[in-house]
Amino acid sequence: MKIITLIENLVNSPGLVAEHGLSLYIDTGNKKILFDTGQSGLFIQNAQKLGIDIREIDLLVISHGHYDHTGGLYQFLEVNKKATVYAKKEIFTPKYSGKTRFIGTQPNEEILADRFIFVQTLTEVTPDVFIVPTIEIHHKIDTNFTNLYKKEGISFRTDMFDDELFIVIRKNDHINILTACSHRGITNICETASTYFKLPVNLILGGFHMKDCGVEQYAHITYYLQNLQPKLIGACHCTGVEKFAEMMGEYNSKLFYNFTGNEITIK
């Protein structure tokens, strides 16, 4: 099983491009899965250069409704005519930064017709690959809702990210946790996964939303991960390169930056 990062904030491979966003390609051996579509259709361009045929992807999972994870959705659906899209029903709730800047996803009923499945419960989409749609807040200190809103009618309310989900891959009596932005907290995501599956963690991969976290939240996250003892931690996107650099002092070789074009094999 392999995971390839089709787009992320950074790139160091000639011929590939980066943008503020995230898209991961997962090849299980019998299914091809896409997790998020970045901010635009640039992930498709990178996929072609990496030898990945977007038309052959079997299913797309959308982590939440922010533009930097859904911006390439419609370009993907125009190229790929067969993939089922899994998301939570709240994905199209209007989302704003600071009550003025729209950062959500506009629905297109014509394109979306018959392509979506809205996930409400733990769902095994292919053997040992699960969508986890409910993230319990076990640790209130580790949430990322500041200055982010959803619009309900004419009213703005703090966005608690009811639309957020993540992926768990179970292999060799371990779990691998794939998260996109961790607005509800990377430690809450890991705690939810550990509670559901009751297995040790091999890999945590994705955006941890630590770029603006304070001293207490940072200390909580690093302490939690040290005690969880995953074999590998691949941070990227909204983790922030400064926080990644700080974390390198905590984890050394266990931690790596998951840049555009990076390939991971899960054995």
C-alpha atoms as a PDB file:
ATOM      1  CA  MET A   1       0.000   0.000   0.000  1.00  0.00           C
ATOM      2  CA  LYS A   2       1.348   3.426  -0.908  1.00  0.00           C
ATOM      3  CA  ILE A   3       0.408   7.039  -0.251  1.00  0.00           C
ATOM      4  CA  ILE A   4       1.583   9.809  -2.601  1.00  0.00           C
ATOM      5  CA  THR A   5       1.129  13.502  -1.851  1.00  0.00           C
ATOM      6  CA  LEU A   6      -0.230  15.042  -5.051  1.00  0.00           C
ATOM      7  CA  ILE A   7      -0.143  18.587  -3.743  1.00  0.00           C
ATOM      8  CA  GLU A   8       0.896  20.412  -0.593  1.00  0.00           C
ATOM      9  CA  ASN A   9       2.263  23.833   0.369  1.00  0.00           C
ATOM     10  CA  LEU A  10       5.873  22.921  -0.453  1.00  0.00           C
ATOM     11  CA  VAL A  11       7.682  21.090  -3.247  1.00  0.00           C
ATOM     12  CA  ASN A  12      11.309  20.130  -3.868  1.00  0.00           C
ATOM     13  CA  SER A  13      10.862  17.894  -6.917  1.00  0.00           C
ATOM     14  CA  PRO A  14      11.544  19.350 -10.402  1.00  0.00           C
ATOM     15  CA  GLY A  15       8.452  19.480 -12.612  1.00  0.00           C
ATOM     16  CA  LEU A  16       5.904  19.449  -9.770  1.00  0.00           C
ATOM     17  CA  VAL A  17       4.007  22.455  -8.437  1.00  0.00           C
ATOM     18  CA  ALA A  18       2.827  23.392  -4.935  1.00  0.00           C
ATOM     19  CA  GLU A  19      -0.028  25.459  -3.537  1.00  0.00           C
ATOM     20  CA  HIS A  20      -1.638  26.125  -0.162  1.00  0.00           C
ATOM     21  CA  GLY A  21      -3.758  22.984  -0.025  1.00  0.00           C
ATOM     22  CA  LEU A  22      -3.615  19.224   0.299  1.00  0.00           C
ATOM     23  CA  SER A  23      -4.382  16.163  -1.817  1.00  0.00           C
ATOM     24  CA  LEU A  24      -3.273  12.606  -1.046  1.00  0.00           C
ATOM     25  CA  TYR A  25      -3.422   9.584  -3.360  1.00  0.00           C
ATOM     26  CA  ILE A  26      -3.798   6.155  -1.741  1.00  0.00           C
ATOM     27  CA  ASP A  27      -3.272   2.913  -3.660  1.00  0.00           C
ATOM     28  CA  THR A  28      -4.406  -0.033  -1.540  1.00  0.00           C
ATOM     29  CA  GLY A  29      -3.618  -2.611  -4.197  1.00  0.00           C
ATOM     30  CA  ASN A  30      -7.277  -3.146  -5.052  1.00  0.00           C
ATOM     31  CA  LYS A  31      -8.655   0.388  -4.807  1.00  0.00           C
ATOM     32  CA  LYS A  32      -7.351   3.829  -5.735  1.00  0.00           C
ATOM     33  CA  ILE A  33      -8.462   6.558  -3.345  1.00  0.00           C
ATOM     34  CA  LEU A  34      -8.084  10.342  -3.411  1.00  0.00           C
ATOM     35  CA  PHE A  35      -8.191  12.280  -0.130  1.00  0.00           C
ATOM     36  CA  ASP A  36      -9.003  15.946  -0.872  1.00  0.00           C
ATOM     37  CA  THR A  37      -8.392  17.924  -4.058  1.00  0.00           C
ATOM     38  CA  GLY A  38      -6.219  20.859  -3.052  1.00  0.00           C
ATOM     39  CA  GLN A  39      -7.068  24.480  -3.827  1.00  0.00           C
ATOM     40  CA  SER A  40      -7.303  24.041  -7.610  1.00  0.00           C
ATOM     41  CA  GLY A  41      -6.849  21.498 -10.376  1.00  0.00           C
ATOM     42  CA  LEU A  42      -3.055  21.608 -10.066  1.00  0.00           C
ATOM     43  CA  PHE A  43      -3.041  18.245  -8.276  1.00  0.00           C
ATOM     44  CA  ILE A  44      -4.203  16.682 -11.558  1.00  0.00           C
ATOM     45  CA  GLN A  45      -1.171  18.130 -13.329  1.00  0.00           C
ATOM     46  CA  ASN A  46       1.122  16.699 -10.651  1.00  0.00           C
ATOM     47  CA  ALA A  47      -0.617  13.325 -10.827  1.00  0.00           C
ATOM     48  CA  GLN A  48       0.101  13.099 -14.555  1.00  0.00           C
ATOM     49  CA  LYS A  49       3.781  13.830 -13.976  1.00  0.00           C
ATOM     50  CA  LEU A  50       3.867  11.188 -11.245  1.00  0.00           C
ATOM     51  CA  GLY A  51       2.337   8.575 -13.551  1.00  0.00           C
ATOM     52  CA  ILE A  52      -1.060   8.501 -11.809  1.00  0.00           C
ATOM     53  CA  ASP A  53      -4.183   8.324 -13.971  1.00  0.00           C
ATOM     54  CA  ILE A  54      -6.867  10.428 -12.264  1.00  0.00           C
ATOM     55  CA  ARG A  55      -9.519   8.711 -14.408  1.00  0.00           C
ATOM     56  CA  GLU A  56      -8.824   5.412 -12.624  1.00  0.00           C
ATOM     57  CA  ILE A  57      -9.464   6.651  -9.070  1.00  0.00           C
ATOM     58  CA  ASP A  58     -12.298   4.639  -7.510  1.00  0.00           C
ATOM     59  CA  LEU A  59     -13.373   6.984  -4.741  1.00  0.00           C
ATOM     60  CA  LEU A  60     -12.753  10.475  -3.406  1.00  0.00           C
ATOM     61  CA  VAL A  61     -12.940  11.383   0.284  1.00  0.00           C
ATOM     62  CA  ILE A  62     -13.383  15.059   1.236  1.00  0.00           C
ATOM     63  CA  SER A  63     -12.092  15.955   4.699  1.00  0.00           C
ATOM     64  CA  HIS A  64     -14.045  19.204   5.200  1.00  0.00           C
ATOM     65  CA  GLY A  65     -15.494  22.097   3.247  1.00  0.00           C
ATOM     66  CA  HIS A  66     -12.609  24.584   3.061  1.00  0.00           C
ATOM     67  CA  TYR A  67     -11.538  25.735  -0.406  1.00  0.00           C
ATOM     68  CA  ASP A  68      -7.930  24.552  -0.033  1.00  0.00           C
ATOM     69  CA  HIS A  69      -9.219  20.972   0.240  1.00  0.00           C
ATOM     70  CA  THR A  70     -12.156  21.118  -2.193  1.00  0.00           C
ATOM     71  CA  GLY A  71     -10.973  23.643  -4.809  1.00  0.00           C
ATOM     72  CA  GLY A  72     -10.167  20.924  -7.349  1.00  0.00           C
ATOM     73  CA  LEU A  73     -13.405  18.968  -6.761  1.00  0.00           C
ATOM     74  CA  TYR A  74     -15.192  19.939  -9.953  1.00  0.00           C
ATOM     75  CA  GLN A  75     -12.087  19.610 -12.137  1.00  0.00           C
ATOM     76  CA  PHE A  76     -11.682  16.094 -10.715  1.00  0.00           C
ATOM     77  CA  LEU A  77     -15.310  15.167 -11.441  1.00  0.00           C
ATOM     78  CA  GLU A  78     -14.974  16.423 -15.008  1.00  0.00           C
ATOM     79  CA  VAL A  79     -11.942  14.187 -15.606  1.00  0.00           C
ATOM     80  CA  ASN A  80     -13.008  11.194 -13.525  1.00  0.00           C
ATOM     81  CA  LYS A  81     -16.439   9.832 -14.448  1.00  0.00           C
ATOM     82  CA  LYS A  82     -16.628   6.858 -12.083  1.00  0.00           C
ATOM     83  CA  ALA A  83     -15.478   7.768  -8.572  1.00  0.00           C
ATOM     84  CA  THR A  84     -17.951   7.984  -5.724  1.00  0.00           C
ATOM     85  CA  VAL A  85     -17.400  11.003  -3.446  1.00  0.00           C
ATOM     86  CA  TYR A  86     -17.616  10.492   0.319  1.00  0.00           C
ATOM     87  CA  ALA A  87     -18.140  13.476   2.607  1.00  0.00           C
ATOM     88  CA  LYS A  88     -20.278  14.667   5.492  1.00  0.00           C
ATOM     89  CA  LYS A  89     -23.554  16.397   4.670  1.00  0.00           C
ATOM     90  CA  GLU A  90     -22.336  19.636   6.307  1.00  0.00           C
ATOM     91  CA  ILE A  91     -19.606  20.049   3.665  1.00  0.00           C
ATOM     92  CA  PHE A  92     -21.546  22.737   1.782  1.00  0.00           C
ATOM     93  CA  THR A  93     -22.355  24.872   4.838  1.00  0.00           C
ATOM     94  CA  PRO A  94     -21.165  28.419   3.962  1.00  0.00           C
ATOM     95  CA  LYS A  95     -17.799  28.983   5.676  1.00  0.00           C
ATOM     96  CA  TYR A  96     -16.035  32.266   6.339  1.00  0.00           C
ATOM     97  CA  SER A  97     -12.816  33.661   7.694  1.00  0.00           C
ATOM     98  CA  GLY A  98     -13.567  36.649   9.879  1.00  0.00           C
ATOM     99  CA  LYS A  99     -17.226  36.863   8.738  1.00  0.00           C
ATOM    100  CA  THR A 100     -16.187  38.557   5.475  1.00  0.00           C
ATOM    101  CA  ARG A 101     -14.084  36.196   3.376  1.00  0.00           C
ATOM    102  CA  PHE A 102     -15.871  33.173   1.946  1.00  0.00           C
ATOM    103  CA  ILE A 103     -13.638  30.101   2.232  1.00  0.00           C
ATOM    104  CA  GLY A 104     -16.193  27.353   1.710  1.00  0.00           C
ATOM    105  CA  THR A 105     -17.384  25.201  -1.177  1.00  0.00           C
ATOM    106  CA  GLN A 106     -20.155  26.144  -3.588  1.00  0.00           C
ATOM    107  CA  PRO A 107     -22.434  23.229  -4.486  1.00  0.00           C
ATOM    108  CA  ASN A 108     -23.058  22.446  -8.158  1.00  0.00           C
ATOM    109  CA  GLU A 109     -26.100  20.211  -8.272  1.00  0.00           C
ATOM    110  CA  GLU A 110     -25.682  19.290 -11.946  1.00  0.00           C
ATOM    111  CA  ILE A 111     -22.124  18.017 -11.539  1.00  0.00           C
ATOM    112  CA  LEU A 112     -22.717  16.446  -8.124  1.00  0.00           C
ATOM    113  CA  ALA A 113     -25.791  14.456  -9.135  1.00  0.00           C
ATOM    114  CA  ASP A 114     -25.483  10.740  -8.250  1.00  0.00           C
ATOM    115  CA  ARG A 115     -21.802  11.084  -7.247  1.00  0.00           C
ATOM    116  CA  PHE A 116     -22.034  11.784  -3.475  1.00  0.00           C
ATOM    117  CA  ILE A 117     -22.462   9.546  -0.448  1.00  0.00           C
ATOM    118  CA  PHE A 118     -22.869  11.436   2.826  1.00  0.00           C
ATOM    119  CA  VAL A 119     -21.134   9.583   5.663  1.00  0.00           C
ATOM    120  CA  GLN A 120     -22.654   9.571   9.138  1.00  0.00           C
ATOM    121  CA  THR A 121     -21.090   6.541  10.799  1.00  0.00           C
ATOM    122  CA  LEU A 122     -17.757   4.710  10.734  1.00  0.00           C
ATOM    123  CA  THR A 123     -17.563   3.414   7.152  1.00  0.00           C
ATOM    124  CA  GLU A 124     -15.240   0.785   5.676  1.00  0.00           C
ATOM    125  CA  VAL A 125     -14.951   1.884   2.043  1.00  0.00           C
ATOM    126  CA  THR A 126     -12.647  -0.981   1.051  1.00  0.00           C
ATOM    127  CA  PRO A 127     -11.121  -3.710   3.242  1.00  0.00           C
ATOM    128  CA  ASP A 128      -9.222  -2.111   6.162  1.00  0.00           C
ATOM    129  CA  VAL A 129      -9.718   1.475   4.944  1.00  0.00           C
ATOM    130  CA  PHE A 130     -12.167   3.424   7.105  1.00  0.00           C
ATOM    131  CA  ILE A 131     -13.737   6.870   7.062  1.00  0.00           C
ATOM    132  CA  VAL A 132     -14.169   8.200  10.603  1.00  0.00           C
ATOM    133  CA  PRO A 133     -16.801  10.982  10.524  1.00  0.00           C
ATOM    134  CA  THR A 134     -17.152  11.777  14.234  1.00  0.00           C
ATOM    135  CA  ILE A 135     -14.248  13.402  16.072  1.00  0.00           C
ATOM    136  CA  GLU A 136     -14.881  13.609  19.798  1.00  0.00           C
ATOM    137  CA  ILE A 137     -13.361  16.590  21.626  1.00  0.00           C
ATOM    138  CA  HIS A 138     -11.400  14.776  24.340  1.00  0.00           C
ATOM    139  CA  HIS A 139      -8.911  17.645  24.737  1.00  0.00           C
ATOM    140  CA  LYS A 140     -10.489  21.110  24.549  1.00  0.00           C
ATOM    141  CA  ILE A 141      -7.090  22.800  24.449  1.00  0.00           C
ATOM    142  CA  ASP A 142      -6.452  21.263  21.033  1.00  0.00           C
ATOM    143  CA  THR A 143      -9.079  22.814  18.740  1.00  0.00           C
ATOM    144  CA  ASN A 144      -8.651  25.282  15.877  1.00  0.00           C
ATOM    145  CA  PHE A 145     -11.819  27.341  15.487  1.00  0.00           C
ATOM    146  CA  THR A 146     -10.476  30.873  16.030  1.00  0.00           C
ATOM    147  CA  ASN A 147     -11.886  33.486  13.615  1.00  0.00           C
ATOM    148  CA  LEU A 148     -13.582  30.766  11.551  1.00  0.00           C
ATOM    149  CA  TYR A 149     -17.339  30.944  11.063  1.00  0.00           C
ATOM    150  CA  LYS A 150     -20.234  29.231   9.372  1.00  0.00           C
ATOM    151  CA  LYS A 151     -23.274  31.101   8.138  1.00  0.00           C
ATOM    152  CA  GLU A 152     -26.742  29.889   9.080  1.00  0.00           C
ATOM    153  CA  GLY A 153     -29.348  32.051   7.407  1.00  0.00           C
ATOM    154  CA  ILE A 154     -28.181  35.600   8.139  1.00  0.00           C
ATOM    155  CA  SER A 155     -26.321  34.661  11.320  1.00  0.00           C
ATOM    156  CA  PHE A 156     -22.656  33.783  11.771  1.00  0.00           C
ATOM    157  CA  ARG A 157     -21.672  31.137  14.306  1.00  0.00           C
ATOM    158  CA  THR A 158     -18.281  29.773  15.295  1.00  0.00           C
ATOM    159  CA  ASP A 159     -17.455  26.904  12.970  1.00  0.00           C
ATOM    160  CA  MET A 160     -16.972  23.798  15.121  1.00  0.00           C
ATOM    161  CA  PHE A 161     -16.231  21.753  11.981  1.00  0.00           C
ATOM    162  CA  ASP A 162     -19.051  19.244  12.144  1.00  0.00           C
ATOM    163  CA  ASP A 163     -18.088  18.448   8.549  1.00  0.00           C
ATOM    164  CA  GLU A 164     -14.563  17.235   9.412  1.00  0.00           C
ATOM    165  CA  LEU A 165     -13.613  13.574   8.975  1.00  0.00           C
ATOM    166  CA  PHE A 166     -10.421  11.536   8.671  1.00  0.00           C
ATOM    167  CA  ILE A 167      -9.191   8.203   7.291  1.00  0.00           C
ATOM    168  CA  VAL A 168      -7.805   5.194   9.142  1.00  0.00           C
ATOM    169  CA  ILE A 169      -5.935   2.397   7.363  1.00  0.00           C
ATOM    170  CA  ARG A 170      -5.578  -0.799   9.376  1.00  0.00           C
ATOM    171  CA  LYS A 171      -2.599  -2.983   8.516  1.00  0.00           C
ATOM    172  CA  ASN A 172      -0.553  -5.590  10.411  1.00  0.00           C
ATOM    173  CA  ASP A 173      -2.326  -4.948  13.729  1.00  0.00           C
ATOM    174  CA  HIS A 174      -1.553  -1.216  13.567  1.00  0.00           C
ATOM    175  CA  ILE A 175      -3.515   1.800  12.420  1.00  0.00           C
ATOM    176  CA  ASN A 176      -2.402   4.602  10.111  1.00  0.00           C
ATOM    177  CA  ILE A 177      -4.177   7.933  10.619  1.00  0.00           C
ATOM    178  CA  LEU A 178      -4.631  10.334   7.677  1.00  0.00           C
ATOM    179  CA  THR A 179      -5.895  13.794   8.537  1.00  0.00           C
ATOM    180  CA  ALA A 180      -6.235  16.898   6.403  1.00  0.00           C
ATOM    181  CA  CYS A 181      -6.440  19.976   8.628  1.00  0.00           C
ATOM    182  CA  SER A 182      -7.209  18.795  12.186  1.00  0.00           C
ATOM    183  CA  HIS A 183      -9.481  21.717  13.027  1.00  0.00           C
ATOM    184  CA  ARG A 184     -10.973  19.560  15.777  1.00  0.00           C
ATOM    185  CA  GLY A 185      -7.449  18.798  16.973  1.00  0.00           C
ATOM    186  CA  ILE A 186      -4.832  16.241  15.998  1.00  0.00           C
ATOM    187  CA  THR A 187      -4.840  14.794  19.519  1.00  0.00           C
ATOM    188  CA  ASN A 188      -8.635  14.478  19.395  1.00  0.00           C
ATOM    189  CA  ILE A 189      -8.356  12.720  16.036  1.00  0.00           C
ATOM    190  CA  CYS A 190      -5.739  10.309  17.372  1.00  0.00           C
ATOM    191  CA  GLU A 191      -7.744   9.708  20.553  1.00  0.00           C
ATOM    192  CA  THR A 192     -10.874   8.984  18.520  1.00  0.00           C
ATOM    193  CA  ALA A 193      -8.979   6.532  16.296  1.00  0.00           C
ATOM    194  CA  SER A 194      -7.357   4.793  19.276  1.00  0.00           C
ATOM    195  CA  THR A 195     -10.736   4.479  21.022  1.00  0.00           C
ATOM    196  CA  TYR A 196     -12.412   2.972  17.950  1.00  0.00           C
ATOM    197  CA  PHE A 197      -9.688   0.558  16.889  1.00  0.00           C
ATOM    198  CA  LYS A 198      -7.728  -0.146  20.095  1.00  0.00           C
ATOM    199  CA  LEU A 199      -4.536  -0.724  18.115  1.00  0.00           C
ATOM    200  CA  PRO A 200      -1.093   0.904  18.228  1.00  0.00           C
ATOM    201  CA  VAL A 201      -0.367   3.685  15.724  1.00  0.00           C
ATOM    202  CA  ASN A 202       2.112   3.175  12.910  1.00  0.00           C
ATOM    203  CA  LEU A 203       1.750   6.465  10.968  1.00  0.00           C
ATOM    204  CA  ILE A 204       0.112   9.854  11.503  1.00  0.00           C
ATOM    205  CA  LEU A 205       0.037  11.845   8.257  1.00  0.00           C
ATOM    206  CA  GLY A 206      -1.388  15.224   7.305  1.00  0.00           C
ATOM    207  CA  GLY A 207      -2.000  18.765   8.490  1.00  0.00           C
ATOM    208  CA  PHE A 208      -1.977  19.277  12.264  1.00  0.00           C
ATOM    209  CA  HIS A 209      -3.089  22.950  12.234  1.00  0.00           C
ATOM    210  CA  MET A 210      -0.330  24.035  14.610  1.00  0.00           C
ATOM    211  CA  LYS A 211       0.924  27.089  12.706  1.00  0.00           C
ATOM    212  CA  ASP A 212      -0.784  29.560  15.055  1.00  0.00           C
ATOM    213  CA  CYS A 213      -1.079  27.445  18.192  1.00  0.00           C
ATOM    214  CA  GLY A 214       0.005  28.857  21.524  1.00  0.00           C
ATOM    215  CA  VAL A 215       2.532  27.530  23.996  1.00  0.00           C
ATOM    216  CA  GLU A 216       0.018  25.443  25.973  1.00  0.00           C
ATOM    217  CA  GLN A 217      -1.553  23.837  22.912  1.00  0.00           C
ATOM    218  CA  TYR A 218       1.868  23.065  21.449  1.00  0.00           C
ATOM    219  CA  ALA A 219       3.014  21.499  24.737  1.00  0.00           C
ATOM    220  CA  HIS A 220      -0.159  19.415  24.910  1.00  0.00           C
ATOM    221  CA  ILE A 221       0.217  18.127  21.340  1.00  0.00           C
ATOM    222  CA  THR A 222       3.883  17.217  21.668  1.00  0.00           C
ATOM    223  CA  TYR A 223       3.361  15.552  25.051  1.00  0.00           C
ATOM    224  CA  TYR A 224       0.410  13.563  23.695  1.00  0.00           C
ATOM    225  CA  LEU A 225       2.302  12.362  20.606  1.00  0.00           C
ATOM    226  CA  GLN A 226       5.334  11.399  22.699  1.00  0.00           C
ATOM    227  CA  ASN A 227       3.097   9.193  24.835  1.00  0.00           C
ATOM    228  CA  LEU A 228       1.167   7.773  21.871  1.00  0.00           C
ATOM    229  CA  GLN A 229       4.497   6.660  20.345  1.00  0.00           C
ATOM    230  CA  PRO A 230       3.606   6.331  16.651  1.00  0.00           C
ATOM    231  CA  LYS A 231       6.362   4.850  14.528  1.00  0.00           C
ATOM    232  CA  LEU A 232       6.215   7.733  12.014  1.00  0.00           C
ATOM    233  CA  ILE A 233       4.779  11.256  11.950  1.00  0.00           C
ATOM    234  CA  GLY A 234       4.407  13.001   8.589  1.00  0.00           C
ATOM    235  CA  ALA A 235       3.440  16.646   9.086  1.00  0.00           C
ATOM    236  CA  CYS A 236       2.504  19.111   6.338  1.00  0.00           C
ATOM    237  CA  HIS A 237       0.148  21.838   5.119  1.00  0.00           C
ATOM    238  CA  CYS A 238      -1.395  23.741   8.083  1.00  0.00           C
ATOM    239  CA  THR A 239       1.134  22.333  10.569  1.00  0.00           C
ATOM    240  CA  GLY A 240       3.387  25.280   9.678  1.00  0.00           C
ATOM    241  CA  VAL A 241       7.057  24.980   8.818  1.00  0.00           C
ATOM    242  CA  GLU A 242       8.104  26.870  11.966  1.00  0.00           C
ATOM    243  CA  LYS A 243       6.195  24.461  14.210  1.00  0.00           C
ATOM    244  CA  PHE A 244       7.549  21.538  12.194  1.00  0.00           C
ATOM    245  CA  ALA A 245      11.074  22.800  12.869  1.00  0.00           C
ATOM    246  CA  GLU A 246      10.288  23.002  16.604  1.00  0.00           C
ATOM    247  CA  MET A 247       8.868  19.489  16.557  1.00  0.00           C
ATOM    248  CA  MET A 248      12.030  18.124  14.966  1.00  0.00           C
ATOM    249  CA  GLY A 249      13.717  18.710  18.305  1.00  0.00           C
ATOM    250  CA  GLU A 250      11.072  16.551  19.987  1.00  0.00           C
ATOM    251  CA  TYR A 251      10.971  13.603  17.569  1.00  0.00           C
ATOM    252  CA  ASN A 252      14.170  13.564  15.481  1.00  0.00           C
ATOM    253  CA  SER A 253      14.072  10.761  12.874  1.00  0.00           C
ATOM    254  CA  LYS A 254      10.464   9.775  13.712  1.00  0.00           C
ATOM    255  CA  LEU A 255       9.180  13.027  12.190  1.00  0.00           C
ATOM    256  CA  PHE A 256       9.330  14.006   8.501  1.00  0.00           C
ATOM    257  CA  TYR A 257       7.849  16.728   6.303  1.00  0.00           C
ATOM    258  CA  ASN A 258       5.329  15.384   3.817  1.00  0.00           C
ATOM    259  CA  PHE A 259       5.988  17.613   0.817  1.00  0.00           C
ATOM    260  CA  THR A 260       4.429  17.518  -2.666  1.00  0.00           C
ATOM    261  CA  GLY A 261       5.493  14.352  -4.509  1.00  0.00           C
ATOM    262  CA  ASN A 262       6.467  12.418  -1.386  1.00  0.00           C
ATOM    263  CA  GLU A 263       5.714   8.678  -1.468  1.00  0.00           C
ATOM    264  CA  ILE A 264       5.139   6.513   1.602  1.00  0.00           C
ATOM    265  CA  THR A 265       4.850   2.726   1.602  1.00  0.00           C
ATOM    266  CA  ILE A 266       2.850   1.077   4.383  1.00  0.00           C
ATOM    267  CA  LYS A 267       4.053  -2.462   4.938  1.00  0.00           C
END
